[in-house]
Amino acid sequence: MRHSYRAAYAEHVPRPTRRALALAARVVIFLCVIGIASLSQASAAPASSARDTRACGEISVLSGFVRYSYTVQVEQGTVACEEATRLMYRVDEGPPYSPPGWHCSVGQDRRSWAISCTGHGSLVRAYGPTPRRSTWAQAAAQVTMHVEVPQETLGLSPTDVTGGKRCGGRGAGPDWVNATYSRPDGARLTIAEGRPYTCGQLGVPAVVAVWNIHGHAAQLSEYCGPTGCARMSGEWALLWSEHGIQITLLTDRLSQHELLAIARSMEPLQR
């Protein structure tokens, strides 16, 4: 009589051993089911977390004369977006970095968040910072003072224009607008305007000439060292006041002729 391999194997295995093998097989199947269920739950967790995340828009902050933005998200909990954005503003103004009731950390991995705060059963994070470019009109909207804009730039293109009511974004200070321009040949121009003074002073530079800009005396100084360097490097500083504001033009790799043309082309911004 012919027997299958399985039947032949069963005939030679004692009955207790067969029962043990059957039990072991059931245990293995049970563990596999549990493992599959655990993997399913693990894969579903990020999706659930993603569904719980609420985007709260952006906040805008100043660092020096550059404006940056952060994207704010509530990734856990029920804290309102208004409170979440207000929290991130307070953290940026730190230290201390943790307002009462919150524990906040500053990101250290370039691929991670910038700010992370836990508190009141919630997790709030800010991603960034990202430099923001604005126009003269947008910068002027941040201040109430008169703003002058160059009509002649000699190939220089604006790279950033920023305005604010406090020097460096903190503390008391004048209204101010700062703009930077550059050109492919490396020439650069910075325009600083403020009421009653620009944000940041030149000190007491040696005046090498006095020009007439719109009927006002404008002091020309070297913005480098040692004496006589500006005629080779094109680093000049030109300062004058009109319409209740102080205007300073700082240059790099620009001639006096170019600086004078730009200064005399300055006109009030039409709002």
C-alpha atoms as a PDB file:
ATOM      1  CA  MET A   1       0.000   0.000   0.000  1.00  0.00           C
ATOM      2  CA  ARG A   2       1.259   3.406  -0.930  1.00  0.00           C
ATOM      3  CA  HIS A   3       1.450   6.041   1.757  1.00  0.00           C
ATOM      4  CA  SER A   4       1.993   9.785   1.416  1.00  0.00           C
ATOM      5  CA  TYR A   5       5.103  11.343   2.925  1.00  0.00           C
ATOM      6  CA  ARG A   6       2.928  13.090   5.515  1.00  0.00           C
ATOM      7  CA  ALA A   7       1.204   9.849   6.504  1.00  0.00           C
ATOM      8  CA  ALA A   8       4.504   8.009   6.714  1.00  0.00           C
ATOM      9  CA  TYR A   9       5.973  10.766   8.852  1.00  0.00           C
ATOM     10  CA  ALA A  10       2.933  10.717  11.154  1.00  0.00           C
ATOM     11  CA  GLU A  11       3.214   6.960  11.671  1.00  0.00           C
ATOM     12  CA  HIS A  12       6.724   7.327  12.996  1.00  0.00           C
ATOM     13  CA  VAL A  13       6.064  10.332  15.277  1.00  0.00           C
ATOM     14  CA  PRO A  14       4.726   9.526  18.761  1.00  0.00           C
ATOM     15  CA  ARG A  15       1.232  10.895  19.503  1.00  0.00           C
ATOM     16  CA  PRO A  16       2.353  13.333  22.300  1.00  0.00           C
ATOM     17  CA  THR A  17       4.924  14.835  19.942  1.00  0.00           C
ATOM     18  CA  ARG A  18       2.276  15.334  17.255  1.00  0.00           C
ATOM     19  CA  ARG A  19       0.068  17.185  19.727  1.00  0.00           C
ATOM     20  CA  ALA A  20       2.994  19.405  20.723  1.00  0.00           C
ATOM     21  CA  LEU A  21       3.758  20.224  17.074  1.00  0.00           C
ATOM     22  CA  ALA A  22       0.135  21.120  16.409  1.00  0.00           C
ATOM     23  CA  LEU A  23       0.073  23.421  19.452  1.00  0.00           C
ATOM     24  CA  ALA A  24       3.311  25.082  18.366  1.00  0.00           C
ATOM     25  CA  ALA A  25       1.853  25.700  14.905  1.00  0.00           C
ATOM     26  CA  ARG A  26      -1.212  27.387  16.406  1.00  0.00           C
ATOM     27  CA  VAL A  27       1.030  29.589  18.600  1.00  0.00           C
ATOM     28  CA  VAL A  28       3.066  30.666  15.551  1.00  0.00           C
ATOM     29  CA  ILE A  29      -0.106  31.547  13.635  1.00  0.00           C
ATOM     30  CA  PHE A  30      -1.415  33.543  16.627  1.00  0.00           C
ATOM     31  CA  LEU A  31       1.833  35.506  16.928  1.00  0.00           C
ATOM     32  CA  CYS A  32       1.799  36.263  13.212  1.00  0.00           C
ATOM     33  CA  VAL A  33      -1.725  37.663  13.478  1.00  0.00           C
ATOM     34  CA  ILE A  34      -0.697  39.866  16.407  1.00  0.00           C
ATOM     35  CA  GLY A  35       2.354  41.085  14.489  1.00  0.00           C
ATOM     36  CA  ILE A  36       0.311  42.018  11.442  1.00  0.00           C
ATOM     37  CA  ALA A  37      -2.188  43.892  13.620  1.00  0.00           C
ATOM     38  CA  SER A  38       0.642  45.791  15.348  1.00  0.00           C
ATOM     39  CA  LEU A  39       2.158  46.783  12.027  1.00  0.00           C
ATOM     40  CA  SER A  40      -1.226  47.995  10.824  1.00  0.00           C
ATOM     41  CA  GLN A  41      -1.668  50.140  13.929  1.00  0.00           C
ATOM     42  CA  ALA A  42       1.865  51.542  13.604  1.00  0.00           C
ATOM     43  CA  SER A  43       1.358  52.468   9.971  1.00  0.00           C
ATOM     44  CA  ALA A  44      -1.985  54.062  10.802  1.00  0.00           C
ATOM     45  CA  ALA A  45      -0.528  56.214  13.626  1.00  0.00           C
ATOM     46  CA  PRO A  46       1.290  58.738  11.404  1.00  0.00           C
ATOM     47  CA  ALA A  47      -1.814  59.094   9.245  1.00  0.00           C
ATOM     48  CA  SER A  48      -3.891  59.806  12.349  1.00  0.00           C
ATOM     49  CA  SER A  49      -1.248  62.294  13.540  1.00  0.00           C
ATOM     50  CA  ALA A  50      -1.263  63.986  10.152  1.00  0.00           C
ATOM     51  CA  ARG A  51      -5.043  64.332  10.332  1.00  0.00           C
ATOM     52  CA  ASP A  52      -4.737  65.937  13.777  1.00  0.00           C
ATOM     53  CA  THR A  53      -2.227  68.574  12.589  1.00  0.00           C
ATOM     54  CA  ARG A  54      -3.691  72.048  12.121  1.00  0.00           C
ATOM     55  CA  ALA A  55      -1.935  74.685  10.027  1.00  0.00           C
ATOM     56  CA  CYS A  56      -2.009  78.098  11.708  1.00  0.00           C
ATOM     57  CA  GLY A  57      -0.436  80.197   8.979  1.00  0.00           C
ATOM     58  CA  GLU A  58       2.753  82.226   9.235  1.00  0.00           C
ATOM     59  CA  ILE A  59       4.329  84.671  11.644  1.00  0.00           C
ATOM     60  CA  SER A  60       6.752  87.376  10.536  1.00  0.00           C
ATOM     61  CA  VAL A  61       9.702  88.531  12.640  1.00  0.00           C
ATOM     62  CA  LEU A  62      12.654  90.869  12.249  1.00  0.00           C
ATOM     63  CA  SER A  63      16.282  89.973  12.868  1.00  0.00           C
ATOM     64  CA  GLY A  64      18.525  92.961  12.330  1.00  0.00           C
ATOM     65  CA  PHE A  65      17.125  94.536   9.174  1.00  0.00           C
ATOM     66  CA  VAL A  66      15.913  91.291   7.596  1.00  0.00           C
ATOM     67  CA  ARG A  67      12.369  89.977   7.903  1.00  0.00           C
ATOM     68  CA  TYR A  68      11.792  86.226   8.269  1.00  0.00           C
ATOM     69  CA  SER A  69       8.704  84.032   8.350  1.00  0.00           C
ATOM     70  CA  TYR A  70       7.853  80.844  10.256  1.00  0.00           C
ATOM     71  CA  THR A  71       5.075  78.364   9.470  1.00  0.00           C
ATOM     72  CA  VAL A  72       3.165  77.486  12.652  1.00  0.00           C
ATOM     73  CA  GLN A  73       1.364  74.174  13.228  1.00  0.00           C
ATOM     74  CA  VAL A  74      -0.586  72.656  16.119  1.00  0.00           C
ATOM     75  CA  GLU A  75       0.429  68.999  15.855  1.00  0.00           C
ATOM     76  CA  GLN A  76      -1.378  67.758  18.951  1.00  0.00           C
ATOM     77  CA  GLY A  77      -4.026  69.100  21.294  1.00  0.00           C
ATOM     78  CA  THR A  78      -6.761  71.691  21.108  1.00  0.00           C
ATOM     79  CA  VAL A  79      -4.881  74.971  21.620  1.00  0.00           C
ATOM     80  CA  ALA A  80      -6.306  77.686  19.348  1.00  0.00           C
ATOM     81  CA  CYS A  81      -4.236  78.922  16.399  1.00  0.00           C
ATOM     82  CA  GLU A  82      -4.340  82.465  17.749  1.00  0.00           C
ATOM     83  CA  GLU A  83      -2.681  81.323  20.974  1.00  0.00           C
ATOM     84  CA  ALA A  84      -0.218  79.142  19.044  1.00  0.00           C
ATOM     85  CA  THR A  85       1.018  82.034  16.890  1.00  0.00           C
ATOM     86  CA  ARG A  86       1.164  84.356  19.904  1.00  0.00           C
ATOM     87  CA  LEU A  87       3.247  81.702  21.692  1.00  0.00           C
ATOM     88  CA  MET A  88       5.759  81.553  18.837  1.00  0.00           C
ATOM     89  CA  TYR A  89       6.128  85.332  18.817  1.00  0.00           C
ATOM     90  CA  ARG A  90       6.920  85.230  22.554  1.00  0.00           C
ATOM     91  CA  VAL A  91       9.467  82.444  22.090  1.00  0.00           C
ATOM     92  CA  ASP A  92      11.212  84.390  19.312  1.00  0.00           C
ATOM     93  CA  GLU A  93      11.526  87.397  21.610  1.00  0.00           C
ATOM     94  CA  GLY A  94      13.242  85.246  24.269  1.00  0.00           C
ATOM     95  CA  PRO A  95      15.188  84.319  26.249  1.00  0.00           C
ATOM     96  CA  PRO A  96      13.615  82.863  28.283  1.00  0.00           C
ATOM     97  CA  TYR A  97      12.348  80.612  25.532  1.00  0.00           C
ATOM     98  CA  SER A  98       9.578  78.953  27.569  1.00  0.00           C
ATOM     99  CA  PRO A  99       6.608  81.158  28.555  1.00  0.00           C
ATOM    100  CA  PRO A 100       4.701  80.139  31.720  1.00  0.00           C
ATOM    101  CA  GLY A 101       2.884  76.843  31.263  1.00  0.00           C
ATOM    102  CA  TRP A 102       4.976  75.817  28.249  1.00  0.00           C
ATOM    103  CA  HIS A 103       8.239  73.955  27.683  1.00  0.00           C
ATOM    104  CA  CYS A 104       9.891  75.088  24.451  1.00  0.00           C
ATOM    105  CA  SER A 105      12.979  73.891  22.609  1.00  0.00           C
ATOM    106  CA  VAL A 106      14.986  75.326  19.732  1.00  0.00           C
ATOM    107  CA  GLY A 107      15.640  72.910  16.856  1.00  0.00           C
ATOM    108  CA  GLN A 108      19.232  71.785  16.277  1.00  0.00           C
ATOM    109  CA  ASP A 109      18.867  69.471  13.273  1.00  0.00           C
ATOM    110  CA  ARG A 110      18.649  71.454  10.027  1.00  0.00           C
ATOM    111  CA  ARG A 111      15.916  69.082   8.790  1.00  0.00           C
ATOM    112  CA  SER A 112      13.717  69.534  11.859  1.00  0.00           C
ATOM    113  CA  TRP A 113      11.434  72.217  13.224  1.00  0.00           C
ATOM    114  CA  ALA A 114      12.839  75.540  14.420  1.00  0.00           C
ATOM    115  CA  ILE A 115      10.749  75.820  17.611  1.00  0.00           C
ATOM    116  CA  SER A 116       8.790  73.131  19.455  1.00  0.00           C
ATOM    117  CA  CYS A 117       6.575  73.809  22.492  1.00  0.00           C
ATOM    118  CA  THR A 118       4.569  71.446  24.680  1.00  0.00           C
ATOM    119  CA  GLY A 119       2.041  72.520  27.267  1.00  0.00           C
ATOM    120  CA  HIS A 120      -1.636  72.394  28.177  1.00  0.00           C
ATOM    121  CA  GLY A 121      -1.879  68.993  26.476  1.00  0.00           C
ATOM    122  CA  SER A 122      -0.767  70.439  23.151  1.00  0.00           C
ATOM    123  CA  LEU A 123       2.248  70.320  20.838  1.00  0.00           C
ATOM    124  CA  VAL A 124       2.971  73.440  18.775  1.00  0.00           C
ATOM    125  CA  ARG A 125       5.808  73.755  16.279  1.00  0.00           C
ATOM    126  CA  ALA A 126       7.210  76.439  13.999  1.00  0.00           C
ATOM    127  CA  TYR A 127       9.137  75.635  10.811  1.00  0.00           C
ATOM    128  CA  GLY A 128      11.632  78.023   9.200  1.00  0.00           C
ATOM    129  CA  PRO A 129      12.948  80.681   9.299  1.00  0.00           C
ATOM    130  CA  THR A 130      12.571  81.735   5.679  1.00  0.00           C
ATOM    131  CA  PRO A 131      13.848  85.141   4.506  1.00  0.00           C
ATOM    132  CA  ARG A 132      11.047  87.290   3.074  1.00  0.00           C
ATOM    133  CA  ARG A 133      11.478  89.777   0.296  1.00  0.00           C
ATOM    134  CA  SER A 134       9.219  92.788   0.169  1.00  0.00           C
ATOM    135  CA  THR A 135       8.780  95.835  -2.028  1.00  0.00           C
ATOM    136  CA  TRP A 136       9.151  99.517  -1.228  1.00  0.00           C
ATOM    137  CA  ALA A 137       5.364  99.793  -0.990  1.00  0.00           C
ATOM    138  CA  GLN A 138       5.140  96.873   1.458  1.00  0.00           C
ATOM    139  CA  ALA A 139       7.957  98.277   3.605  1.00  0.00           C
ATOM    140  CA  ALA A 140       6.416 101.752   3.595  1.00  0.00           C
ATOM    141  CA  ALA A 141       3.130 100.253   4.780  1.00  0.00           C
ATOM    142  CA  GLN A 142       4.902  99.324   8.027  1.00  0.00           C
ATOM    143  CA  VAL A 143       5.697 102.945   8.880  1.00  0.00           C
ATOM    144  CA  THR A 144       3.985 106.337   8.980  1.00  0.00           C
ATOM    145  CA  MET A 145       6.954 108.438   7.895  1.00  0.00           C
ATOM    146  CA  HIS A 146       7.737 109.934   4.496  1.00  0.00           C
ATOM    147  CA  VAL A 147       9.675 107.456   2.295  1.00  0.00           C
ATOM    148  CA  GLU A 148      12.059 108.303  -0.578  1.00  0.00           C
ATOM    149  CA  VAL A 149      12.762 105.862  -3.444  1.00  0.00           C
ATOM    150  CA  PRO A 150      15.545 106.068  -6.065  1.00  0.00           C
ATOM    151  CA  GLN A 151      14.354 106.488  -9.656  1.00  0.00           C
ATOM    152  CA  GLU A 152      17.830 105.876 -11.104  1.00  0.00           C
ATOM    153  CA  THR A 153      19.620 102.689 -10.006  1.00  0.00           C
ATOM    154  CA  LEU A 154      22.243 102.249 -12.771  1.00  0.00           C
ATOM    155  CA  GLY A 155      21.634  98.524 -13.178  1.00  0.00           C
ATOM    156  CA  LEU A 156      21.373  97.821  -9.445  1.00  0.00           C
ATOM    157  CA  SER A 157      18.421  95.601  -8.534  1.00  0.00           C
ATOM    158  CA  PRO A 158      16.692  95.515  -5.116  1.00  0.00           C
ATOM    159  CA  THR A 159      17.410  92.367  -3.116  1.00  0.00           C
ATOM    160  CA  ASP A 160      15.436  93.300  -0.008  1.00  0.00           C
ATOM    161  CA  VAL A 161      13.366  96.173   1.359  1.00  0.00           C
ATOM    162  CA  THR A 162      12.309  96.134   5.012  1.00  0.00           C
ATOM    163  CA  GLY A 163      10.437  98.597   7.219  1.00  0.00           C
ATOM    164  CA  GLY A 164       9.559  98.763  10.890  1.00  0.00           C
ATOM    165  CA  LYS A 165       8.818 100.886  13.917  1.00  0.00           C
ATOM    166  CA  ARG A 166      11.591  99.592  16.175  1.00  0.00           C
ATOM    167  CA  CYS A 167      15.327  99.271  15.495  1.00  0.00           C
ATOM    168  CA  GLY A 168      16.203  95.592  15.091  1.00  0.00           C
ATOM    169  CA  GLY A 169      12.585  94.672  15.834  1.00  0.00           C
ATOM    170  CA  ARG A 170      12.939  95.245  19.587  1.00  0.00           C
ATOM    171  CA  GLY A 171      12.783  98.141  22.000  1.00  0.00           C
ATOM    172  CA  ALA A 172      11.929 101.749  21.343  1.00  0.00           C
ATOM    173  CA  GLY A 173      13.259 103.481  18.295  1.00  0.00           C
ATOM    174  CA  PRO A 174      12.407 105.431  15.162  1.00  0.00           C
ATOM    175  CA  ASP A 175      10.367 104.458  12.150  1.00  0.00           C
ATOM    176  CA  TRP A 176      12.816 103.109   9.599  1.00  0.00           C
ATOM    177  CA  VAL A 177      13.111 101.623   6.124  1.00  0.00           C
ATOM    178  CA  ASN A 178      16.181  99.782   4.815  1.00  0.00           C
ATOM    179  CA  ALA A 179      16.770  98.644   1.237  1.00  0.00           C
ATOM    180  CA  THR A 180      19.654  96.749  -0.350  1.00  0.00           C
ATOM    181  CA  TYR A 181      20.570  96.681  -4.038  1.00  0.00           C
ATOM    182  CA  SER A 182      23.173  94.685  -5.946  1.00  0.00           C
ATOM    183  CA  ARG A 183      24.592  94.374  -9.450  1.00  0.00           C
ATOM    184  CA  PRO A 184      26.259  91.432 -11.262  1.00  0.00           C
ATOM    185  CA  ASP A 185      29.646  93.191 -11.172  1.00  0.00           C
ATOM    186  CA  GLY A 186      29.603  93.100  -7.345  1.00  0.00           C
ATOM    187  CA  ALA A 187      28.475  96.680  -6.785  1.00  0.00           C
ATOM    188  CA  ARG A 188      26.147  97.143  -3.813  1.00  0.00           C
ATOM    189  CA  LEU A 189      23.985  99.909  -2.417  1.00  0.00           C
ATOM    190  CA  THR A 190      22.235 100.195   0.948  1.00  0.00           C
ATOM    191  CA  ILE A 191      19.580 102.849   1.513  1.00  0.00           C
ATOM    192  CA  ALA A 192      18.675 103.599   5.133  1.00  0.00           C
ATOM    193  CA  GLU A 193      15.888 106.010   6.045  1.00  0.00           C
ATOM    194  CA  GLY A 194      14.529 106.875   9.481  1.00  0.00           C
ATOM    195  CA  ARG A 195      12.541 109.421  11.443  1.00  0.00           C
ATOM    196  CA  PRO A 196      14.081 111.367  13.035  1.00  0.00           C
ATOM    197  CA  TYR A 197      17.267 109.349  12.472  1.00  0.00           C
ATOM    198  CA  THR A 198      18.214 106.179  10.648  1.00  0.00           C
ATOM    199  CA  CYS A 199      18.314 102.933  12.611  1.00  0.00           C
ATOM    200  CA  GLY A 200      22.018 102.675  13.356  1.00  0.00           C
ATOM    201  CA  GLN A 201      24.517 105.525  13.145  1.00  0.00           C
ATOM    202  CA  LEU A 202      27.746 106.002  11.187  1.00  0.00           C
ATOM    203  CA  GLY A 203      29.567 107.380  14.196  1.00  0.00           C
ATOM    204  CA  VAL A 204      31.669 110.444  13.429  1.00  0.00           C
ATOM    205  CA  PRO A 205      33.234 109.803  10.011  1.00  0.00           C
ATOM    206  CA  ALA A 206      35.560 112.328   8.390  1.00  0.00           C
ATOM    207  CA  VAL A 207      33.600 114.369   5.843  1.00  0.00           C
ATOM    208  CA  VAL A 208      35.447 114.574   2.522  1.00  0.00           C
ATOM    209  CA  ALA A 209      32.859 116.664   0.627  1.00  0.00           C
ATOM    210  CA  VAL A 210      29.462 118.316   0.939  1.00  0.00           C
ATOM    211  CA  TRP A 211      27.003 117.878  -1.932  1.00  0.00           C
ATOM    212  CA  ASN A 212      23.700 119.562  -2.676  1.00  0.00           C
ATOM    213  CA  ILE A 213      20.838 117.044  -2.763  1.00  0.00           C
ATOM    214  CA  HIS A 214      17.410 118.598  -3.399  1.00  0.00           C
ATOM    215  CA  GLY A 215      18.589 121.831  -1.815  1.00  0.00           C
ATOM    216  CA  HIS A 216      19.912 120.104   1.324  1.00  0.00           C
ATOM    217  CA  ALA A 217      23.533 119.714   2.431  1.00  0.00           C
ATOM    218  CA  ALA A 218      24.644 116.074   2.110  1.00  0.00           C
ATOM    219  CA  GLN A 219      27.840 114.926   3.828  1.00  0.00           C
ATOM    220  CA  LEU A 220      30.045 112.526   1.864  1.00  0.00           C
ATOM    221  CA  SER A 221      32.370 110.288   3.904  1.00  0.00           C
ATOM    222  CA  GLU A 222      34.597 107.306   3.325  1.00  0.00           C
ATOM    223  CA  TYR A 223      33.027 104.081   4.596  1.00  0.00           C
ATOM    224  CA  CYS A 224      36.282 102.163   4.843  1.00  0.00           C
ATOM    225  CA  GLY A 225      39.833 102.484   6.118  1.00  0.00           C
ATOM    226  CA  PRO A 226      42.571 103.633   5.959  1.00  0.00           C
ATOM    227  CA  THR A 227      42.242 107.193   4.684  1.00  0.00           C
ATOM    228  CA  GLY A 228      41.936 107.401   0.912  1.00  0.00           C
ATOM    229  CA  CYS A 229      40.528 103.863   0.509  1.00  0.00           C
ATOM    230  CA  ALA A 230      37.103 104.787  -0.890  1.00  0.00           C
ATOM    231  CA  ARG A 231      38.426 106.102  -4.212  1.00  0.00           C
ATOM    232  CA  MET A 232      39.692 102.567  -4.915  1.00  0.00           C
ATOM    233  CA  SER A 233      36.995 100.418  -3.244  1.00  0.00           C
ATOM    234  CA  GLY A 234      33.974 102.600  -3.972  1.00  0.00           C
ATOM    235  CA  GLU A 235      32.882 102.442  -0.314  1.00  0.00           C
ATOM    236  CA  TRP A 236      31.140 105.752   0.335  1.00  0.00           C
ATOM    237  CA  ALA A 237      28.582 107.038   2.824  1.00  0.00           C
ATOM    238  CA  LEU A 238      26.286 109.928   1.943  1.00  0.00           C
ATOM    239  CA  LEU A 239      24.003 111.413   4.621  1.00  0.00           C
ATOM    240  CA  TRP A 240      21.395 114.163   4.514  1.00  0.00           C
ATOM    241  CA  SER A 241      17.941 115.059   5.906  1.00  0.00           C
ATOM    242  CA  GLU A 242      14.730 116.179   4.185  1.00  0.00           C
ATOM    243  CA  HIS A 243      10.973 115.978   4.817  1.00  0.00           C
ATOM    244  CA  GLY A 244      11.654 115.220   8.495  1.00  0.00           C
ATOM    245  CA  ILE A 245      13.643 112.033   7.785  1.00  0.00           C
ATOM    246  CA  GLN A 246      17.332 111.185   7.683  1.00  0.00           C
ATOM    247  CA  ILE A 247      18.654 109.362   4.609  1.00  0.00           C
ATOM    248  CA  THR A 248      21.941 107.462   4.386  1.00  0.00           C
ATOM    249  CA  LEU A 249      23.328 105.823   1.236  1.00  0.00           C
ATOM    250  CA  LEU A 250      26.135 103.276   1.697  1.00  0.00           C
ATOM    251  CA  THR A 251      27.970 101.947  -1.354  1.00  0.00           C
ATOM    252  CA  ASP A 252      30.488  99.307  -2.359  1.00  0.00           C
ATOM    253  CA  ARG A 253      32.221  99.410  -5.755  1.00  0.00           C
ATOM    254  CA  LEU A 254      30.332 102.526  -6.843  1.00  0.00           C
ATOM    255  CA  SER A 255      31.938 105.727  -8.047  1.00  0.00           C
ATOM    256  CA  GLN A 256      31.118 109.180  -6.700  1.00  0.00           C
ATOM    257  CA  HIS A 257      29.460 109.990 -10.025  1.00  0.00           C
ATOM    258  CA  GLU A 258      27.130 106.978  -9.692  1.00  0.00           C
ATOM    259  CA  LEU A 259      26.341 107.742  -6.058  1.00  0.00           C
ATOM    260  CA  LEU A 260      25.471 111.356  -6.882  1.00  0.00           C
ATOM    261  CA  ALA A 261      23.152 110.287  -9.719  1.00  0.00           C
ATOM    262  CA  ILE A 262      21.280 107.862  -7.444  1.00  0.00           C
ATOM    263  CA  ALA A 263      20.974 110.374  -4.594  1.00  0.00           C
ATOM    264  CA  ARG A 264      19.592 113.105  -6.827  1.00  0.00           C
ATOM    265  CA  SER A 265      17.057 110.683  -8.322  1.00  0.00           C
ATOM    266  CA  MET A 266      15.408 110.014  -4.929  1.00  0.00           C
ATOM    267  CA  GLU A 267      11.717 110.937  -4.967  1.00  0.00           C
ATOM    268  CA  PRO A 268       8.798 110.508  -2.512  1.00  0.00           C
ATOM    269  CA  LEU A 269       7.041 107.149  -2.711  1.00  0.00           C
ATOM    270  CA  GLN A 270       3.533 107.549  -4.097  1.00  0.00           C
ATOM    271  CA  ARG A 271       1.179 105.644  -1.746  1.00  0.00           C
END
